[in-house]
């Protein structure tokens, strides 16, 4: 009986350690620090008209929680729809990354972008390249000052770009 009591705490400690390691791996996904993906989407054009998109706003990315670079452009297509285009874009991979338009200035506190108005455009398509995100119809651009690459899991900005309207 004494022998069993000495072995049980060791087994419990070992099982707890293994469980903690599995949970840590699932939550933090450390392998994402070593992965990359690339997108090279063409600039969208409206099907009915061969007009070139009109630039409504633009800005360059600044790094925040992770190194991020490239240019962000808000474009109006010939049919009146709007898209956010990231060009020459590059950032680190991470869990649960999304692209937002926000009322915060670029380079603000990395955890403040979810405090005000934010228009969520979707999950980040790729860590590198040129990519497009549809801006929902009826979204007023007034007051939206930046594009942010946002990590929903850890509530931090990887990078942001100020929008000059």
C-alpha atoms as a PDB file:
ATOM      1  CA  UNK A   1       0.000   0.000   0.000  1.00  0.00           C
ATOM      2  CA  UNK A   2       2.821   2.422   0.855  1.00  0.00           C
ATOM      3  CA  UNK A   3       4.502   1.752  -2.446  1.00  0.00           C
ATOM      4  CA  UNK A   4       1.268   2.615  -4.312  1.00  0.00           C
ATOM      5  CA  UNK A   5       0.911   5.945  -2.468  1.00  0.00           C
ATOM      6  CA  UNK A   6       4.412   6.999  -3.500  1.00  0.00           C
ATOM      7  CA  UNK A   7       3.807   6.143  -7.138  1.00  0.00           C
ATOM      8  CA  UNK A   8       0.353   7.732  -7.484  1.00  0.00           C
ATOM      9  CA  UNK A   9       1.510  11.372  -7.009  1.00  0.00           C
ATOM     10  CA  UNK A  10       4.224  10.825  -9.605  1.00  0.00           C
ATOM     11  CA  UNK A  11       1.679   9.464 -12.065  1.00  0.00           C
ATOM     12  CA  UNK A  12      -0.726  12.329 -11.377  1.00  0.00           C
ATOM     13  CA  UNK A  13       2.076  14.867 -11.838  1.00  0.00           C
ATOM     14  CA  UNK A  14       3.164  13.210 -15.071  1.00  0.00           C
ATOM     15  CA  UNK A  15      -0.405  13.073 -16.434  1.00  0.00           C
ATOM     16  CA  UNK A  16      -1.006  16.722 -15.473  1.00  0.00           C
ATOM     17  CA  UNK A  17       2.231  17.785 -17.169  1.00  0.00           C
ATOM     18  CA  UNK A  18       1.338  15.969 -20.379  1.00  0.00           C
ATOM     19  CA  UNK A  19      -2.160  17.492 -20.369  1.00  0.00           C
ATOM     20  CA  UNK A  20      -0.735  20.991 -19.782  1.00  0.00           C
ATOM     21  CA  UNK A  21       1.708  20.541 -22.671  1.00  0.00           C
ATOM     22  CA  UNK A  22      -1.080  19.414 -25.030  1.00  0.00           C
ATOM     23  CA  UNK A  23      -3.277  22.381 -24.048  1.00  0.00           C
ATOM     24  CA  UNK A  24      -0.358  24.821 -24.480  1.00  0.00           C
ATOM     25  CA  UNK A  25       0.374  23.460 -27.955  1.00  0.00           C
ATOM     26  CA  UNK A  26      -3.297  23.681 -28.953  1.00  0.00           C
ATOM     27  CA  UNK A  27      -3.702  27.262 -27.706  1.00  0.00           C
ATOM     28  CA  UNK A  28      -0.415  28.861 -28.783  1.00  0.00           C
ATOM     29  CA  UNK A  29       0.209  26.885 -32.003  1.00  0.00           C
ATOM     30  CA  UNK A  30       3.975  27.577 -31.847  1.00  0.00           C
ATOM     31  CA  UNK A  31       4.639  25.979 -35.237  1.00  0.00           C
ATOM     32  CA  UNK A  32       2.890  28.960 -36.883  1.00  0.00           C
ATOM     33  CA  UNK A  33       5.992  31.055 -36.188  1.00  0.00           C
ATOM     34  CA  UNK A  34       7.717  28.978 -38.889  1.00  0.00           C
ATOM     35  CA  UNK A  35       4.974  28.808 -41.556  1.00  0.00           C
ATOM     36  CA  UNK A  36       4.238  31.185 -44.448  1.00  0.00           C
ATOM     37  CA  UNK A  37       1.639  31.421 -47.204  1.00  0.00           C
ATOM     38  CA  UNK A  38       1.445  33.609 -50.308  1.00  0.00           C
ATOM     39  CA  UNK A  39      -1.490  35.036 -52.257  1.00  0.00           C
ATOM     40  CA  UNK A  40      -1.304  36.876 -55.583  1.00  0.00           C
ATOM     41  CA  UNK A  41      -4.865  37.879 -56.383  1.00  0.00           C
ATOM     42  CA  UNK A  42      -5.468  40.216 -59.340  1.00  0.00           C
ATOM     43  CA  UNK A  43      -7.031  43.636 -58.782  1.00  0.00           C
ATOM     44  CA  UNK A  44     -10.801  43.067 -59.055  1.00  0.00           C
ATOM     45  CA  UNK A  45     -12.736  44.731 -61.854  1.00  0.00           C
ATOM     46  CA  UNK A  46     -16.473  44.942 -62.366  1.00  0.00           C
ATOM     47  CA  UNK A  47     -17.706  42.557 -65.054  1.00  0.00           C
ATOM     48  CA  UNK A  48     -19.879  45.100 -66.910  1.00  0.00           C
ATOM     49  CA  UNK A  49     -17.352  47.912 -67.334  1.00  0.00           C
ATOM     50  CA  UNK A  50     -13.671  47.840 -68.218  1.00  0.00           C
ATOM     51  CA  UNK A  51     -12.970  50.915 -66.062  1.00  0.00           C
ATOM     52  CA  UNK A  52     -10.041  50.806 -63.684  1.00  0.00           C
ATOM     53  CA  UNK A  53     -10.824  50.888 -59.955  1.00  0.00           C
ATOM     54  CA  UNK A  54     -10.676  54.311 -58.283  1.00  0.00           C
ATOM     55  CA  UNK A  55      -8.488  54.653 -55.184  1.00  0.00           C
ATOM     56  CA  UNK A  56     -10.423  56.107 -52.239  1.00  0.00           C
ATOM     57  CA  UNK A  57      -7.743  55.751 -49.561  1.00  0.00           C
ATOM     58  CA  UNK A  58      -4.272  54.304 -49.110  1.00  0.00           C
ATOM     59  CA  UNK A  59      -1.545  53.821 -46.538  1.00  0.00           C
ATOM     60  CA  UNK A  60       1.524  51.769 -45.666  1.00  0.00           C
ATOM     61  CA  UNK A  61       1.700  49.120 -42.965  1.00  0.00           C
ATOM     62  CA  UNK A  62       3.682  49.586 -39.768  1.00  0.00           C
ATOM     63  CA  UNK A  63       4.733  46.705 -37.548  1.00  0.00           C
ATOM     64  CA  UNK A  64       3.139  46.263 -34.158  1.00  0.00           C
ATOM     65  CA  UNK A  65       3.192  42.922 -32.320  1.00  0.00           C
ATOM     66  CA  UNK A  66       4.859  41.254 -35.358  1.00  0.00           C
ATOM     67  CA  UNK A  67       6.814  42.513 -38.368  1.00  0.00           C
ATOM     68  CA  UNK A  68       4.310  43.646 -41.006  1.00  0.00           C
ATOM     69  CA  UNK A  69       4.851  45.569 -44.258  1.00  0.00           C
ATOM     70  CA  UNK A  70       3.128  46.460 -47.517  1.00  0.00           C
ATOM     71  CA  UNK A  71       0.477  48.849 -48.758  1.00  0.00           C
ATOM     72  CA  UNK A  72      -3.286  48.968 -48.132  1.00  0.00           C
ATOM     73  CA  UNK A  73      -5.630  50.536 -50.692  1.00  0.00           C
ATOM     74  CA  UNK A  74      -9.395  51.066 -50.542  1.00  0.00           C
ATOM     75  CA  UNK A  75     -10.702  50.826 -54.105  1.00  0.00           C
ATOM     76  CA  UNK A  76     -14.087  51.611 -55.608  1.00  0.00           C
ATOM     77  CA  UNK A  77     -14.939  49.382 -58.550  1.00  0.00           C
ATOM     78  CA  UNK A  78     -16.911  50.473 -61.619  1.00  0.00           C
ATOM     79  CA  UNK A  79     -20.077  48.883 -60.191  1.00  0.00           C
ATOM     80  CA  UNK A  80     -19.789  51.006 -57.016  1.00  0.00           C
ATOM     81  CA  UNK A  81     -18.646  48.172 -54.767  1.00  0.00           C
ATOM     82  CA  UNK A  82     -15.574  48.667 -52.602  1.00  0.00           C
ATOM     83  CA  UNK A  83     -12.634  46.419 -51.780  1.00  0.00           C
ATOM     84  CA  UNK A  84      -9.615  46.631 -49.547  1.00  0.00           C
ATOM     85  CA  UNK A  85      -6.504  45.569 -51.443  1.00  0.00           C
ATOM     86  CA  UNK A  86      -3.260  44.609 -49.726  1.00  0.00           C
ATOM     87  CA  UNK A  87      -0.245  44.888 -52.048  1.00  0.00           C
ATOM     88  CA  UNK A  88       3.302  43.707 -51.447  1.00  0.00           C
ATOM     89  CA  UNK A  89       1.967  42.557 -48.101  1.00  0.00           C
ATOM     90  CA  UNK A  90       3.961  40.516 -45.591  1.00  0.00           C
ATOM     91  CA  UNK A  91       3.400  39.550 -41.952  1.00  0.00           C
ATOM     92  CA  UNK A  92       4.034  36.657 -39.586  1.00  0.00           C
ATOM     93  CA  UNK A  93       1.618  33.761 -39.450  1.00  0.00           C
ATOM     94  CA  UNK A  94      -0.455  33.348 -36.334  1.00  0.00           C
ATOM     95  CA  UNK A  95      -3.637  31.797 -35.032  1.00  0.00           C
ATOM     96  CA  UNK A  96      -6.986  33.354 -35.902  1.00  0.00           C
ATOM     97  CA  UNK A  97      -5.729  36.357 -37.946  1.00  0.00           C
ATOM     98  CA  UNK A  98      -8.335  38.729 -39.389  1.00  0.00           C
ATOM     99  CA  UNK A  99      -8.413  41.931 -41.447  1.00  0.00           C
ATOM    100  CA  UNK A 100     -10.294  44.888 -39.978  1.00  0.00           C
ATOM    101  CA  UNK A 101     -11.015  48.505 -40.869  1.00  0.00           C
ATOM    102  CA  UNK A 102     -11.009  50.525 -37.634  1.00  0.00           C
ATOM    103  CA  UNK A 103     -11.492  54.020 -36.256  1.00  0.00           C
ATOM    104  CA  UNK A 104      -8.131  53.831 -34.437  1.00  0.00           C
ATOM    105  CA  UNK A 105      -5.014  55.444 -35.872  1.00  0.00           C
ATOM    106  CA  UNK A 106      -2.317  53.196 -37.311  1.00  0.00           C
ATOM    107  CA  UNK A 107       0.364  52.367 -34.780  1.00  0.00           C
ATOM    108  CA  UNK A 108      -2.001  52.795 -31.806  1.00  0.00           C
ATOM    109  CA  UNK A 109      -1.669  50.599 -28.736  1.00  0.00           C
ATOM    110  CA  UNK A 110      -1.593  47.058 -30.119  1.00  0.00           C
ATOM    111  CA  UNK A 111      -4.510  45.945 -27.940  1.00  0.00           C
ATOM    112  CA  UNK A 112      -6.837  48.937 -28.525  1.00  0.00           C
ATOM    113  CA  UNK A 113      -8.252  48.233 -31.983  1.00  0.00           C
ATOM    114  CA  UNK A 114     -11.216  46.251 -30.656  1.00  0.00           C
ATOM    115  CA  UNK A 115     -12.295  49.123 -28.375  1.00  0.00           C
ATOM    116  CA  UNK A 116     -13.982  51.318 -31.000  1.00  0.00           C
ATOM    117  CA  UNK A 117     -15.676  50.882 -34.357  1.00  0.00           C
ATOM    118  CA  UNK A 118     -14.323  48.003 -36.412  1.00  0.00           C
ATOM    119  CA  UNK A 119     -15.507  46.523 -39.697  1.00  0.00           C
ATOM    120  CA  UNK A 120     -14.421  42.904 -39.921  1.00  0.00           C
ATOM    121  CA  UNK A 121     -13.533  41.962 -43.495  1.00  0.00           C
ATOM    122  CA  UNK A 122     -12.633  38.324 -42.915  1.00  0.00           C
ATOM    123  CA  UNK A 123      -9.772  35.981 -42.157  1.00  0.00           C
ATOM    124  CA  UNK A 124      -6.336  36.892 -43.483  1.00  0.00           C
ATOM    125  CA  UNK A 125      -5.955  35.062 -46.813  1.00  0.00           C
ATOM    126  CA  UNK A 126      -2.168  34.637 -46.681  1.00  0.00           C
ATOM    127  CA  UNK A 127       0.878  35.977 -44.858  1.00  0.00           C
ATOM    128  CA  UNK A 128       2.423  37.323 -48.069  1.00  0.00           C
ATOM    129  CA  UNK A 129       1.366  38.725 -51.425  1.00  0.00           C
ATOM    130  CA  UNK A 130      -1.481  40.696 -52.977  1.00  0.00           C
ATOM    131  CA  UNK A 131      -4.989  40.077 -51.709  1.00  0.00           C
ATOM    132  CA  UNK A 132      -8.496  41.553 -51.812  1.00  0.00           C
ATOM    133  CA  UNK A 133     -11.220  41.855 -49.173  1.00  0.00           C
ATOM    134  CA  UNK A 134     -14.777  42.918 -50.021  1.00  0.00           C
ATOM    135  CA  UNK A 135     -15.997  45.859 -47.947  1.00  0.00           C
ATOM    136  CA  UNK A 136     -19.671  45.190 -47.094  1.00  0.00           C
ATOM    137  CA  UNK A 137     -22.130  47.376 -48.999  1.00  0.00           C
ATOM    138  CA  UNK A 138     -23.340  50.362 -47.004  1.00  0.00           C
ATOM    139  CA  UNK A 139     -20.161  50.573 -44.933  1.00  0.00           C
ATOM    140  CA  UNK A 140     -19.481  54.265 -44.496  1.00  0.00           C
ATOM    141  CA  UNK A 141     -15.746  54.871 -44.664  1.00  0.00           C
ATOM    142  CA  UNK A 142     -16.062  58.110 -42.700  1.00  0.00           C
ATOM    143  CA  UNK A 143     -14.216  57.829 -39.410  1.00  0.00           C
ATOM    144  CA  UNK A 144     -12.363  54.658 -40.385  1.00  0.00           C
ATOM    145  CA  UNK A 145      -8.694  55.557 -40.022  1.00  0.00           C
ATOM    146  CA  UNK A 146      -6.747  52.328 -40.406  1.00  0.00           C
ATOM    147  CA  UNK A 147      -6.504  48.738 -41.564  1.00  0.00           C
ATOM    148  CA  UNK A 148      -5.344  46.295 -38.899  1.00  0.00           C
ATOM    149  CA  UNK A 149      -4.205  42.690 -39.022  1.00  0.00           C
ATOM    150  CA  UNK A 150      -5.825  41.441 -35.828  1.00  0.00           C
ATOM    151  CA  UNK A 151      -5.230  38.235 -33.863  1.00  0.00           C
ATOM    152  CA  UNK A 152      -8.618  37.353 -32.360  1.00  0.00           C
ATOM    153  CA  UNK A 153      -7.178  34.644 -30.128  1.00  0.00           C
ATOM    154  CA  UNK A 154      -4.776  36.954 -28.271  1.00  0.00           C
ATOM    155  CA  UNK A 155      -6.428  40.359 -28.935  1.00  0.00           C
ATOM    156  CA  UNK A 156      -3.347  41.979 -30.461  1.00  0.00           C
ATOM    157  CA  UNK A 157      -2.524  43.814 -33.683  1.00  0.00           C
ATOM    158  CA  UNK A 158       0.194  42.265 -35.824  1.00  0.00           C
ATOM    159  CA  UNK A 159       0.393  45.473 -37.896  1.00  0.00           C
ATOM    160  CA  UNK A 160      -1.679  48.404 -39.134  1.00  0.00           C
ATOM    161  CA  UNK A 161      -1.843  50.880 -42.014  1.00  0.00           C
ATOM    162  CA  UNK A 162      -3.207  54.402 -41.759  1.00  0.00           C
ATOM    163  CA  UNK A 163      -5.788  55.299 -44.408  1.00  0.00           C
ATOM    164  CA  UNK A 164      -5.496  58.720 -46.027  1.00  0.00           C
ATOM    165  CA  UNK A 165      -8.944  59.452 -47.470  1.00  0.00           C
END
